[in-house]
Amino acid sequence: MSASHFHKQFKNTLGILPINYINSEKIKFSKKLIKSSQNLRMSEIAFQSGFNNTSYFNRQFKKMEMMTPQQFKASVNHQI
């Protein structure tokens, strides 16, 4: 199967592009890390979640969660 055919089939089946699916799974994992480990720096969370670039991580997080990772961390800390 060619890459373009795979992308087309993936989008037809799940309704999103493969990269968007992968990034959403990485963001889900990063949210778990933020909630469970208060002592990790955001760059460490980004790298452990599979992002090689913290700037890209921040943009993707904000795109999906409508807030920055730092804002999410602050909201989690307020709930405790």
PDB file of N, CA and C in Angstrom:
ATOM      1  N   MET A   1       0.855  -1.173   0.000  1.00  0.00           N
ATOM      2  CA  MET A   1       0.000   0.000   0.000  1.00  0.00           C
ATOM      3  C   MET A   1       0.899   1.233   0.000  1.00  0.00           C
ATOM      4  N   SER A   2       0.614   2.161  -0.853  1.00  0.00           N
ATOM      5  CA  SER A   2       1.408   3.392  -0.892  1.00  0.00           C
ATOM      6  C   SER A   2       1.043   4.292   0.272  1.00  0.00           C
ATOM      7  N   ALA A   3       1.928   5.219   0.567  1.00  0.00           N
ATOM      8  CA  ALA A   3       1.684   6.149   1.679  1.00  0.00           C
ATOM      9  C   ALA A   3       0.443   6.991   1.418  1.00  0.00           C
ATOM     10  N   SER A   4       0.282   7.475   0.202  1.00  0.00           N
ATOM     11  CA  SER A   4      -0.877   8.320  -0.100  1.00  0.00           C
ATOM     12  C   SER A   4      -2.179   7.528   0.003  1.00  0.00           C
ATOM     13  N   HIS A   5      -2.158   6.268  -0.429  1.00  0.00           N
ATOM     14  CA  HIS A   5      -3.353   5.426  -0.313  1.00  0.00           C
ATOM     15  C   HIS A   5      -3.668   5.153   1.162  1.00  0.00           C
ATOM     16  N   PHE A   6      -2.650   4.891   1.952  1.00  0.00           N
ATOM     17  CA  PHE A   6      -2.849   4.683   3.386  1.00  0.00           C
ATOM     18  C   PHE A   6      -3.485   5.911   4.027  1.00  0.00           C
ATOM     19  N   HIS A   7      -2.955   7.097   3.725  1.00  0.00           N
ATOM     20  CA  HIS A   7      -3.500   8.331   4.298  1.00  0.00           C
ATOM     21  C   HIS A   7      -4.968   8.510   3.913  1.00  0.00           C
ATOM     22  N   LYS A   8      -5.278   8.233   2.659  1.00  0.00           N
ATOM     23  CA  LYS A   8      -6.653   8.371   2.185  1.00  0.00           C
ATOM     24  C   LYS A   8      -7.573   7.384   2.903  1.00  0.00           C
ATOM     25  N   GLN A   9      -7.156   6.123   3.008  1.00  0.00           N
ATOM     26  CA  GLN A   9      -7.954   5.104   3.688  1.00  0.00           C
ATOM     27  C   GLN A   9      -8.123   5.426   5.174  1.00  0.00           C
ATOM     28  N   PHE A  10      -7.051   5.875   5.799  1.00  0.00           N
ATOM     29  CA  PHE A  10      -7.093   6.224   7.222  1.00  0.00           C
ATOM     30  C   PHE A  10      -8.108   7.336   7.448  1.00  0.00           C
ATOM     31  N   LYS A  11      -8.030   8.386   6.626  1.00  0.00           N
ATOM     32  CA  LYS A  11      -8.944   9.520   6.781  1.00  0.00           C
ATOM     33  C   LYS A  11     -10.380   9.096   6.494  1.00  0.00           C
ATOM     34  N   ASN A  12     -10.587   8.255   5.481  1.00  0.00           N
ATOM     35  CA  ASN A  12     -11.945   7.790   5.178  1.00  0.00           C
ATOM     36  C   ASN A  12     -12.519   6.948   6.303  1.00  0.00           C
ATOM     37  N   THR A  13     -11.660   6.177   6.972  1.00  0.00           N
ATOM     38  CA  THR A  13     -12.119   5.292   8.037  1.00  0.00           C
ATOM     39  C   THR A  13     -12.341   6.038   9.353  1.00  0.00           C
ATOM     40  N   LEU A  14     -11.347   6.836   9.763  1.00  0.00           N
ATOM     41  CA  LEU A  14     -11.422   7.493  11.076  1.00  0.00           C
ATOM     42  C   LEU A  14     -11.824   8.967  11.027  1.00  0.00           C
ATOM     43  N   GLY A  15     -11.791   9.555   9.845  1.00  0.00           N
ATOM     44  CA  GLY A  15     -12.218  10.940   9.722  1.00  0.00           C
ATOM     45  C   GLY A  15     -11.149  11.973  10.018  1.00  0.00           C
ATOM     46  N   ILE A  16      -9.943  11.512  10.342  1.00  0.00           N
ATOM     47  CA  ILE A  16      -8.828  12.429  10.596  1.00  0.00           C
ATOM     48  C   ILE A  16      -7.571  11.885   9.941  1.00  0.00           C
ATOM     49  N   LEU A  17      -6.620  12.773   9.715  1.00  0.00           N
ATOM     50  CA  LEU A  17      -5.350  12.358   9.141  1.00  0.00           C
ATOM     51  C   LEU A  17      -4.530  11.584  10.172  1.00  0.00           C
ATOM     52  N   PRO A  18      -3.669  10.687   9.717  1.00  0.00           N
ATOM     53  CA  PRO A  18      -2.843   9.915  10.648  1.00  0.00           C
ATOM     54  C   PRO A  18      -2.026  10.789  11.600  1.00  0.00           C
ATOM     55  N   ILE A  19      -1.432  11.867  11.102  1.00  0.00           N
ATOM     56  CA  ILE A  19      -0.620  12.721  11.980  1.00  0.00           C
ATOM     57  C   ILE A  19      -1.465  13.364  13.072  1.00  0.00           C
ATOM     58  N   ASN A  20      -2.692  13.725  12.752  1.00  0.00           N
ATOM     59  CA  ASN A  20      -3.577  14.309  13.762  1.00  0.00           C
ATOM     60  C   ASN A  20      -3.963  13.277  14.821  1.00  0.00           C
ATOM     61  N   TYR A  21      -4.174  12.039  14.389  1.00  0.00           N
ATOM     62  CA  TYR A  21      -4.471  10.965  15.336  1.00  0.00           C
ATOM     63  C   TYR A  21      -3.273  10.720  16.256  1.00  0.00           C
ATOM     64  N   ILE A  22      -2.103  10.622  15.675  1.00  0.00           N
ATOM     65  CA  ILE A  22      -0.889  10.392  16.460  1.00  0.00           C
ATOM     66  C   ILE A  22      -0.677  11.521  17.458  1.00  0.00           C
ATOM     67  N   ASN A  23      -0.808  12.764  16.996  1.00  0.00           N
ATOM     68  CA  ASN A  23      -0.624  13.901  17.899  1.00  0.00           C
ATOM     69  C   ASN A  23      -1.669  13.921  19.008  1.00  0.00           C
ATOM     70  N   SER A  24      -2.902  13.532  18.705  1.00  0.00           N
ATOM     71  CA  SER A  24      -3.925  13.518  19.761  1.00  0.00           C
ATOM     72  C   SER A  24      -3.591  12.476  20.823  1.00  0.00           C
ATOM     73  N   GLU A  25      -3.046  11.342  20.413  1.00  0.00           N
ATOM     74  CA  GLU A  25      -2.634  10.324  21.382  1.00  0.00           C
ATOM     75  C   GLU A  25      -1.450  10.822  22.222  1.00  0.00           C
ATOM     76  N   LYS A  26      -0.520  11.531  21.604  1.00  0.00           N
ATOM     77  CA  LYS A  26       0.617  12.097  22.330  1.00  0.00           C
ATOM     78  C   LYS A  26       0.143  13.141  23.333  1.00  0.00           C
ATOM     79  N   ILE A  27      -0.833  13.954  22.943  1.00  0.00           N
ATOM     80  CA  ILE A  27      -1.366  14.982  23.848  1.00  0.00           C
ATOM     81  C   ILE A  27      -2.095  14.322  25.016  1.00  0.00           C
ATOM     82  N   LYS A  28      -2.855  13.270  24.755  1.00  0.00           N
ATOM     83  CA  LYS A  28      -3.511  12.529  25.845  1.00  0.00           C
ATOM     84  C   LYS A  28      -2.480  12.038  26.856  1.00  0.00           C
ATOM     85  N   PHE A  29      -1.386  11.482  26.348  1.00  0.00           N
ATOM     86  CA  PHE A  29      -0.330  10.986  27.232  1.00  0.00           C
ATOM     87  C   PHE A  29       0.310  12.133  28.001  1.00  0.00           C
ATOM     88  N   SER A  30       0.542  13.259  27.339  1.00  0.00           N
ATOM     89  CA  SER A  30       1.164  14.406  28.014  1.00  0.00           C
ATOM     90  C   SER A  30       0.256  14.924  29.128  1.00  0.00           C
ATOM     91  N   LYS A  31      -1.049  14.898  28.921  1.00  0.00           N
ATOM     92  CA  LYS A  31      -1.978  15.333  29.965  1.00  0.00           C
ATOM     93  C   LYS A  31      -1.883  14.422  31.187  1.00  0.00           C
ATOM     94  N   LYS A  32      -1.745  13.118  30.949  1.00  0.00           N
ATOM     95  CA  LYS A  32      -1.571  12.182  32.070  1.00  0.00           C
ATOM     96  C   LYS A  32      -0.284  12.483  32.824  1.00  0.00           C
ATOM     97  N   LEU A  33       0.795  12.777  32.081  1.00  0.00           N
ATOM     98  CA  LEU A  33       2.067  13.119  32.724  1.00  0.00           C
ATOM     99  C   LEU A  33       1.949  14.404  33.541  1.00  0.00           C
ATOM    100  N   ILE A  34       1.291  15.399  32.984  1.00  0.00           N
ATOM    101  CA  ILE A  34       1.127  16.678  33.691  1.00  0.00           C
ATOM    102  C   ILE A  34       0.354  16.450  34.989  1.00  0.00           C
ATOM    103  N   LYS A  35      -0.692  15.645  34.923  1.00  0.00           N
ATOM    104  CA  LYS A  35      -1.512  15.384  36.110  1.00  0.00           C
ATOM    105  C   LYS A  35      -0.765  14.582  37.172  1.00  0.00           C
ATOM    106  N   SER A  36       0.068  13.653  36.733  1.00  0.00           N
ATOM    107  CA  SER A  36       0.675  12.731  37.691  1.00  0.00           C
ATOM    108  C   SER A  36       2.045  13.146  38.201  1.00  0.00           C
ATOM    109  N   SER A  37       2.729  14.016  37.502  1.00  0.00           N
ATOM    110  CA  SER A  37       4.086  14.375  37.934  1.00  0.00           C
ATOM    111  C   SER A  37       4.253  15.890  37.979  1.00  0.00           C
ATOM    112  N   GLN A  38       4.201  16.401  39.156  1.00  0.00           N
ATOM    113  CA  GLN A  38       4.293  17.847  39.347  1.00  0.00           C
ATOM    114  C   GLN A  38       5.716  18.375  39.205  1.00  0.00           C
ATOM    115  N   ASN A  39       6.706  17.503  39.256  1.00  0.00           N
ATOM    116  CA  ASN A  39       8.096  17.962  39.268  1.00  0.00           C
ATOM    117  C   ASN A  39       8.772  17.934  37.897  1.00  0.00           C
ATOM    118  N   LEU A  40       8.092  17.447  36.854  1.00  0.00           N
ATOM    119  CA  LEU A  40       8.686  17.424  35.518  1.00  0.00           C
ATOM    120  C   LEU A  40       8.541  18.779  34.834  1.00  0.00           C
ATOM    121  N   ARG A  41       9.607  19.189  34.143  1.00  0.00           N
ATOM    122  CA  ARG A  41       9.520  20.405  33.340  1.00  0.00           C
ATOM    123  C   ARG A  41       8.683  20.114  32.105  1.00  0.00           C
ATOM    124  N   MET A  42       8.088  21.153  31.529  1.00  0.00           N
ATOM    125  CA  MET A  42       7.235  20.972  30.370  1.00  0.00           C
ATOM    126  C   MET A  42       8.022  20.412  29.183  1.00  0.00           C
ATOM    127  N   SER A  43       9.289  20.777  29.060  1.00  0.00           N
ATOM    128  CA  SER A  43      10.103  20.229  27.967  1.00  0.00           C
ATOM    129  C   SER A  43      10.299  18.724  28.148  1.00  0.00           C
ATOM    130  N   GLU A  44      10.446  18.272  29.381  1.00  0.00           N
ATOM    131  CA  GLU A  44      10.584  16.836  29.644  1.00  0.00           C
ATOM    132  C   GLU A  44       9.288  16.099  29.307  1.00  0.00           C
ATOM    133  N   ILE A  45       8.168  16.707  29.640  1.00  0.00           N
ATOM    134  CA  ILE A  45       6.871  16.117  29.318  1.00  0.00           C
ATOM    135  C   ILE A  45       6.705  16.018  27.808  1.00  0.00           C
ATOM    136  N   ALA A  46       7.091  17.067  27.094  1.00  0.00           N
ATOM    137  CA  ALA A  46       6.998  17.071  25.632  1.00  0.00           C
ATOM    138  C   ALA A  46       7.817  15.922  25.049  1.00  0.00           C
ATOM    139  N   PHE A  47       9.061  15.795  25.483  1.00  0.00           N
ATOM    140  CA  PHE A  47       9.933  14.752  24.951  1.00  0.00           C
ATOM    141  C   PHE A  47       9.445  13.352  25.326  1.00  0.00           C
ATOM    142  N   GLN A  48       8.985  13.180  26.554  1.00  0.00           N
ATOM    143  CA  GLN A  48       8.477  11.870  26.973  1.00  0.00           C
ATOM    144  C   GLN A  48       7.185  11.502  26.246  1.00  0.00           C
ATOM    145  N   SER A  49       6.473  12.511  25.760  1.00  0.00           N
ATOM    146  CA  SER A  49       5.232  12.275  25.020  1.00  0.00           C
ATOM    147  C   SER A  49       5.474  12.019  23.540  1.00  0.00           C
ATOM    148  N   GLY A  50       6.726  12.127  23.122  1.00  0.00           N
ATOM    149  CA  GLY A  50       7.051  11.821  21.740  1.00  0.00           C
ATOM    150  C   GLY A  50       7.261  13.009  20.836  1.00  0.00           C
ATOM    151  N   PHE A  51       7.259  14.220  21.402  1.00  0.00           N
ATOM    152  CA  PHE A  51       7.511  15.418  20.611  1.00  0.00           C
ATOM    153  C   PHE A  51       8.997  15.749  20.683  1.00  0.00           C
ATOM    154  N   ASN A  52       9.603  16.022  19.543  1.00  0.00           N
ATOM    155  CA  ASN A  52      11.018  16.374  19.495  1.00  0.00           C
ATOM    156  C   ASN A  52      11.246  17.874  19.625  1.00  0.00           C
ATOM    157  N   ASN A  53      10.175  18.633  19.603  1.00  0.00           N
ATOM    158  CA  ASN A  53      10.267  20.082  19.591  1.00  0.00           C
ATOM    159  C   ASN A  53       9.222  20.634  20.562  1.00  0.00           C
ATOM    160  N   THR A  54       9.655  21.365  21.577  1.00  0.00           N
ATOM    161  CA  THR A  54       8.712  21.870  22.576  1.00  0.00           C
ATOM    162  C   THR A  54       7.772  22.920  22.001  1.00  0.00           C
ATOM    163  N   SER A  55       8.243  23.679  21.034  1.00  0.00           N
ATOM    164  CA  SER A  55       7.395  24.685  20.405  1.00  0.00           C
ATOM    165  C   SER A  55       6.240  24.016  19.659  1.00  0.00           C
ATOM    166  N   TYR A  56       6.549  22.951  18.926  1.00  0.00           N
ATOM    167  CA  TYR A  56       5.510  22.199  18.215  1.00  0.00           C
ATOM    168  C   TYR A  56       4.558  21.556  19.212  1.00  0.00           C
ATOM    169  N   PHE A  57       5.076  21.025  20.301  1.00  0.00           N
ATOM    170  CA  PHE A  57       4.239  20.456  21.364  1.00  0.00           C
ATOM    171  C   PHE A  57       3.267  21.506  21.891  1.00  0.00           C
ATOM    172  N   ASN A  58       3.779  22.697  22.196  1.00  0.00           N
ATOM    173  CA  ASN A  58       2.921  23.761  22.713  1.00  0.00           C
ATOM    174  C   ASN A  58       1.821  24.131  21.719  1.00  0.00           C
ATOM    175  N   ARG A  59       2.177  24.241  20.438  1.00  0.00           N
ATOM    176  CA  ARG A  59       1.181  24.589  19.414  1.00  0.00           C
ATOM    177  C   ARG A  59       0.112  23.505  19.278  1.00  0.00           C
ATOM    178  N   GLN A  60       0.543  22.247  19.246  1.00  0.00           N
ATOM    179  CA  GLN A  60      -0.411  21.141  19.108  1.00  0.00           C
ATOM    180  C   GLN A  60      -1.304  21.023  20.344  1.00  0.00           C
ATOM    181  N   PHE A  61      -0.723  21.206  21.520  1.00  0.00           N
ATOM    182  CA  PHE A  61      -1.499  21.136  22.760  1.00  0.00           C
ATOM    183  C   PHE A  61      -2.570  22.211  22.752  1.00  0.00           C
ATOM    184  N   LYS A  62      -2.177  23.434  22.414  1.00  0.00           N
ATOM    185  CA  LYS A  62      -3.138  24.547  22.399  1.00  0.00           C
ATOM    186  C   LYS A  62      -4.207  24.335  21.335  1.00  0.00           C
ATOM    187  N   LYS A  63      -3.830  23.818  20.191  1.00  0.00           N
ATOM    188  CA  LYS A  63      -4.775  23.540  19.103  1.00  0.00           C
ATOM    189  C   LYS A  63      -5.830  22.527  19.552  1.00  0.00           C
ATOM    190  N   MET A  64      -5.416  21.513  20.295  1.00  0.00           N
ATOM    191  CA  MET A  64      -6.334  20.440  20.683  1.00  0.00           C
ATOM    192  C   MET A  64      -7.081  20.718  21.981  1.00  0.00           C
ATOM    193  N   GLU A  65      -6.436  21.403  22.908  1.00  0.00           N
ATOM    194  CA  GLU A  65      -7.026  21.592  24.243  1.00  0.00           C
ATOM    195  C   GLU A  65      -7.529  23.016  24.491  1.00  0.00           C
ATOM    196  N   MET A  66      -7.279  23.918  23.555  1.00  0.00           N
ATOM    197  CA  MET A  66      -7.702  25.317  23.660  1.00  0.00           C
ATOM    198  C   MET A  66      -7.056  26.052  24.838  1.00  0.00           C
ATOM    199  N   MET A  67      -5.927  25.524  25.283  1.00  0.00           N
ATOM    200  CA  MET A  67      -5.119  26.178  26.311  1.00  0.00           C
ATOM    201  C   MET A  67      -3.699  25.648  26.189  1.00  0.00           C
ATOM    202  N   THR A  68      -2.756  26.395  26.732  1.00  0.00           N
ATOM    203  CA  THR A  68      -1.361  25.961  26.684  1.00  0.00           C
ATOM    204  C   THR A  68      -1.131  24.857  27.712  1.00  0.00           C
ATOM    205  N   PRO A  69      -0.051  24.113  27.579  1.00  0.00           N
ATOM    206  CA  PRO A  69       0.256  23.106  28.601  1.00  0.00           C
ATOM    207  C   PRO A  69       0.406  23.717  29.995  1.00  0.00           C
ATOM    208  N   GLN A  70       0.994  24.910  30.068  1.00  0.00           N
ATOM    209  CA  GLN A  70       1.142  25.582  31.371  1.00  0.00           C
ATOM    210  C   GLN A  70      -0.218  25.944  31.965  1.00  0.00           C
ATOM    211  N   GLN A  71      -1.138  26.404  31.126  1.00  0.00           N
ATOM    212  CA  GLN A  71      -2.480  26.726  31.608  1.00  0.00           C
ATOM    213  C   GLN A  71      -3.192  25.465  32.088  1.00  0.00           C
ATOM    214  N   PHE A  72      -2.998  24.361  31.360  1.00  0.00           N
ATOM    215  CA  PHE A  72      -3.582  23.095  31.776  1.00  0.00           C
ATOM    216  C   PHE A  72      -3.022  22.658  33.119  1.00  0.00           C
ATOM    217  N   LYS A  73      -1.714  22.783  33.274  1.00  0.00           N
ATOM    218  CA  LYS A  73      -1.070  22.420  34.539  1.00  0.00           C
ATOM    219  C   LYS A  73      -1.616  23.272  35.685  1.00  0.00           C
ATOM    220  N   ALA A  74      -1.791  24.564  35.444  1.00  0.00           N
ATOM    221  CA  ALA A  74      -2.338  25.450  36.479  1.00  0.00           C
ATOM    222  C   ALA A  74      -3.771  25.057  36.831  1.00  0.00           C
ATOM    223  N   SER A  75      -4.558  24.672  35.840  1.00  0.00           N
ATOM    224  CA  SER A  75      -5.945  24.266  36.115  1.00  0.00           C
ATOM    225  C   SER A  75      -5.986  22.970  36.907  1.00  0.00           C
ATOM    226  N   VAL A  76      -5.061  22.065  36.634  1.00  0.00           N
ATOM    227  CA  VAL A  76      -4.986  20.810  37.387  1.00  0.00           C
ATOM    228  C   VAL A  76      -4.581  21.110  38.830  1.00  0.00           C
ATOM    229  N   ASN A  77      -3.633  22.019  39.023  1.00  0.00           N
ATOM    230  CA  ASN A  77      -3.184  22.368  40.372  1.00  0.00           C
ATOM    231  C   ASN A  77      -4.282  23.044  41.167  1.00  0.00           C
ATOM    232  N   HIS A  78      -5.177  23.787  40.512  1.00  0.00           N
ATOM    233  CA  HIS A  78      -6.291  24.431  41.219  1.00  0.00           C
ATOM    234  C   HIS A  78      -7.312  23.421  41.701  1.00  0.00           C
ATOM    235  N   GLN A  79      -7.433  22.307  40.979  1.00  0.00           N
ATOM    236  CA  GLN A  79      -8.415  21.290  41.340  1.00  0.00           C
ATOM    237  C   GLN A  79      -7.975  20.460  42.535  1.00  0.00           C
ATOM    238  N   ILE A  80      -6.683  20.470  42.829  1.00  0.00           N
ATOM    239  CA  ILE A  80      -6.157  19.654  43.933  1.00  0.00           C
ATOM    240  C   ILE A  80      -6.415  20.318  45.259  1.00  0.00           C
TER     241      ILE A  80
END
